[in-house]
Amino acid sequence: MKETIAMASDHAGYEYKEMLKLHLETKGFRVKDFGTYSTEANRFKGGRHRRRINKIDL
């Protein structure tokens, strides 16, 4: 069973996250990506947007 690593970043860290994700996958890890999915800045109504990550999500 492969180990799973959860990853996330804001738009400023997107490119670095993608490089790190590729590196981890080549080392045999499974990566669960929780975003962001581009370099475009997102502004959420009401301030910061948070998502709770549970074991079941992995």
N, C-alpha and C. Protein backbone atom coordinates (compact mmCIF):
# COMPACT_ATOMS: atom_id res chain seq x y z
N MET A 1 0.85 -1.19 0.00
CA MET A 1 0.00 0.00 0.00
C MET A 1 0.88 1.24 0.00
N LYS A 2 0.65 2.13 -0.94
CA LYS A 2 1.42 3.36 -1.03
C LYS A 2 0.97 4.35 0.04
N GLU A 3 1.94 5.09 0.55
CA GLU A 3 1.60 6.16 1.49
C GLU A 3 0.99 7.31 0.71
N THR A 4 0.02 7.98 1.34
CA THR A 4 -0.64 9.14 0.72
C THR A 4 -0.21 10.40 1.44
N ILE A 5 0.13 11.40 0.65
CA ILE A 5 0.50 12.71 1.18
C ILE A 5 -0.52 13.71 0.69
N ALA A 6 -1.09 14.50 1.61
CA ALA A 6 -2.04 15.55 1.25
C ALA A 6 -1.26 16.85 1.02
N MET A 7 -1.62 17.56 -0.06
CA MET A 7 -0.95 18.81 -0.39
C MET A 7 -1.97 19.88 -0.71
N ALA A 8 -1.58 21.12 -0.45
CA ALA A 8 -2.38 22.28 -0.83
C ALA A 8 -1.47 23.49 -0.87
N SER A 9 -1.88 24.51 -1.60
CA SER A 9 -1.12 25.76 -1.65
C SER A 9 -2.05 26.88 -2.05
N ASP A 10 -1.56 28.10 -1.90
CA ASP A 10 -2.29 29.22 -2.48
C ASP A 10 -1.75 29.43 -3.89
N HIS A 11 -2.25 30.45 -4.58
CA HIS A 11 -1.85 30.66 -5.97
C HIS A 11 -0.36 30.95 -6.12
N ALA A 12 0.23 31.59 -5.11
CA ALA A 12 1.65 31.93 -5.19
C ALA A 12 2.54 30.70 -5.10
N GLY A 13 2.08 29.65 -4.45
CA GLY A 13 2.87 28.43 -4.30
C GLY A 13 2.51 27.33 -5.27
N TYR A 14 1.60 27.62 -6.21
CA TYR A 14 1.10 26.59 -7.12
C TYR A 14 2.21 25.90 -7.91
N GLU A 15 3.11 26.65 -8.53
CA GLU A 15 4.15 26.04 -9.37
C GLU A 15 5.09 25.17 -8.54
N TYR A 16 5.45 25.62 -7.36
CA TYR A 16 6.32 24.83 -6.49
C TYR A 16 5.59 23.56 -6.04
N LYS A 17 4.30 23.68 -5.71
CA LYS A 17 3.51 22.51 -5.30
C LYS A 17 3.48 21.47 -6.41
N GLU A 18 3.32 21.90 -7.64
CA GLU A 18 3.28 20.97 -8.77
C GLU A 18 4.61 20.25 -8.96
N MET A 19 5.73 20.97 -8.78
CA MET A 19 7.05 20.33 -8.89
C MET A 19 7.24 19.31 -7.77
N LEU A 20 6.86 19.68 -6.56
CA LEU A 20 7.00 18.79 -5.42
C LEU A 20 6.10 17.56 -5.57
N LYS A 21 4.89 17.77 -6.07
CA LYS A 21 3.95 16.67 -6.30
C LYS A 21 4.54 15.66 -7.29
N LEU A 22 5.09 16.14 -8.37
CA LEU A 22 5.71 15.26 -9.37
C LEU A 22 6.88 14.48 -8.76
N HIS A 23 7.70 15.16 -7.99
CA HIS A 23 8.83 14.50 -7.34
C HIS A 23 8.35 13.38 -6.41
N LEU A 24 7.34 13.67 -5.59
CA LEU A 24 6.83 12.66 -4.67
C LEU A 24 6.23 11.47 -5.40
N GLU A 25 5.51 11.73 -6.49
CA GLU A 25 4.92 10.64 -7.26
C GLU A 25 5.99 9.76 -7.89
N THR A 26 7.09 10.35 -8.34
CA THR A 26 8.17 9.54 -8.91
C THR A 26 8.88 8.71 -7.85
N LYS A 27 8.76 9.11 -6.60
CA LYS A 27 9.33 8.36 -5.48
C LYS A 27 8.36 7.31 -4.94
N GLY A 28 7.17 7.21 -5.55
CA GLY A 28 6.23 6.16 -5.19
C GLY A 28 5.12 6.55 -4.24
N PHE A 29 5.04 7.83 -3.91
CA PHE A 29 3.96 8.29 -3.03
C PHE A 29 2.71 8.59 -3.83
N ARG A 30 1.56 8.41 -3.21
CA ARG A 30 0.29 8.84 -3.79
C ARG A 30 0.02 10.24 -3.23
N VAL A 31 -0.34 11.19 -4.08
CA VAL A 31 -0.56 12.57 -3.65
C VAL A 31 -2.02 12.94 -3.83
N LYS A 32 -2.63 13.45 -2.77
CA LYS A 32 -4.00 13.97 -2.82
C LYS A 32 -3.88 15.49 -2.84
N ASP A 33 -4.27 16.09 -3.94
CA ASP A 33 -4.12 17.53 -4.14
C ASP A 33 -5.41 18.26 -3.77
N PHE A 34 -5.33 19.12 -2.77
CA PHE A 34 -6.48 19.89 -2.31
C PHE A 34 -6.46 21.32 -2.83
N GLY A 35 -5.71 21.57 -3.90
CA GLY A 35 -5.72 22.89 -4.53
C GLY A 35 -4.60 23.78 -4.02
N THR A 36 -4.54 24.87 -4.56
CA THR A 36 -5.24 25.49 -5.64
C THR A 36 -4.77 24.86 -6.96
N TYR A 37 -5.50 25.12 -8.02
CA TYR A 37 -5.23 24.43 -9.28
C TYR A 37 -4.73 25.35 -10.38
N SER A 38 -4.32 26.56 -10.02
CA SER A 38 -3.74 27.49 -10.99
C SER A 38 -3.01 28.61 -10.25
N THR A 39 -2.35 29.46 -11.03
CA THR A 39 -1.65 30.60 -10.44
C THR A 39 -2.57 31.80 -10.27
N GLU A 40 -3.81 31.66 -10.70
CA GLU A 40 -4.78 32.76 -10.59
C GLU A 40 -5.22 32.95 -9.14
N ALA A 41 -5.18 34.19 -8.68
CA ALA A 41 -5.60 34.51 -7.31
C ALA A 41 -7.11 34.38 -7.19
N ASN A 42 -7.57 33.79 -6.10
CA ASN A 42 -8.99 33.65 -5.82
C ASN A 42 -9.34 34.49 -4.59
N ARG A 43 -10.42 35.18 -4.66
CA ARG A 43 -10.89 35.95 -3.52
C ARG A 43 -12.25 35.38 -3.12
N PHE A 44 -12.32 34.90 -1.89
CA PHE A 44 -13.54 34.30 -1.41
C PHE A 44 -14.34 35.31 -0.61
N LYS A 45 -15.62 35.37 -0.87
CA LYS A 45 -16.51 36.27 -0.15
C LYS A 45 -16.46 35.94 1.35
N GLY A 46 -16.30 36.95 2.14
CA GLY A 46 -16.29 36.75 3.59
C GLY A 46 -14.93 36.42 4.16
N GLY A 47 -13.87 36.59 3.39
CA GLY A 47 -12.54 36.35 3.93
C GLY A 47 -11.96 35.02 3.50
N ARG A 48 -11.21 34.43 4.39
CA ARG A 48 -10.50 33.19 4.06
C ARG A 48 -11.44 32.01 3.89
N HIS A 49 -11.05 31.14 2.99
CA HIS A 49 -11.80 29.91 2.74
C HIS A 49 -10.98 28.76 3.31
N ARG A 50 -11.61 27.95 4.11
CA ARG A 50 -10.92 26.81 4.71
C ARG A 50 -11.69 25.54 4.43
N ARG A 51 -10.96 24.47 4.31
CA ARG A 51 -11.58 23.17 4.12
C ARG A 51 -10.98 22.22 5.13
N ARG A 52 -11.83 21.55 5.83
CA ARG A 52 -11.37 20.56 6.78
C ARG A 52 -11.04 19.27 6.04
N ILE A 53 -9.89 18.73 6.33
CA ILE A 53 -9.45 17.50 5.68
C ILE A 53 -9.61 16.35 6.68
N ASN A 54 -10.39 15.39 6.34
CA ASN A 54 -10.59 14.19 7.17
C ASN A 54 -9.87 13.03 6.54
N LYS A 55 -9.60 12.02 7.32
CA LYS A 55 -8.95 10.82 6.78
C LYS A 55 -9.74 10.22 5.64
N ILE A 56 -11.05 10.33 5.70
CA ILE A 56 -11.90 9.74 4.66
C ILE A 56 -11.67 10.41 3.30
N ASP A 57 -11.24 11.69 3.29
CA ASP A 57 -10.97 12.40 2.05
C ASP A 57 -9.75 11.85 1.32
N LEU A 58 -8.85 11.24 2.07
CA LEU A 58 -7.62 10.75 1.47
C LEU A 58 -7.88 9.45 0.76
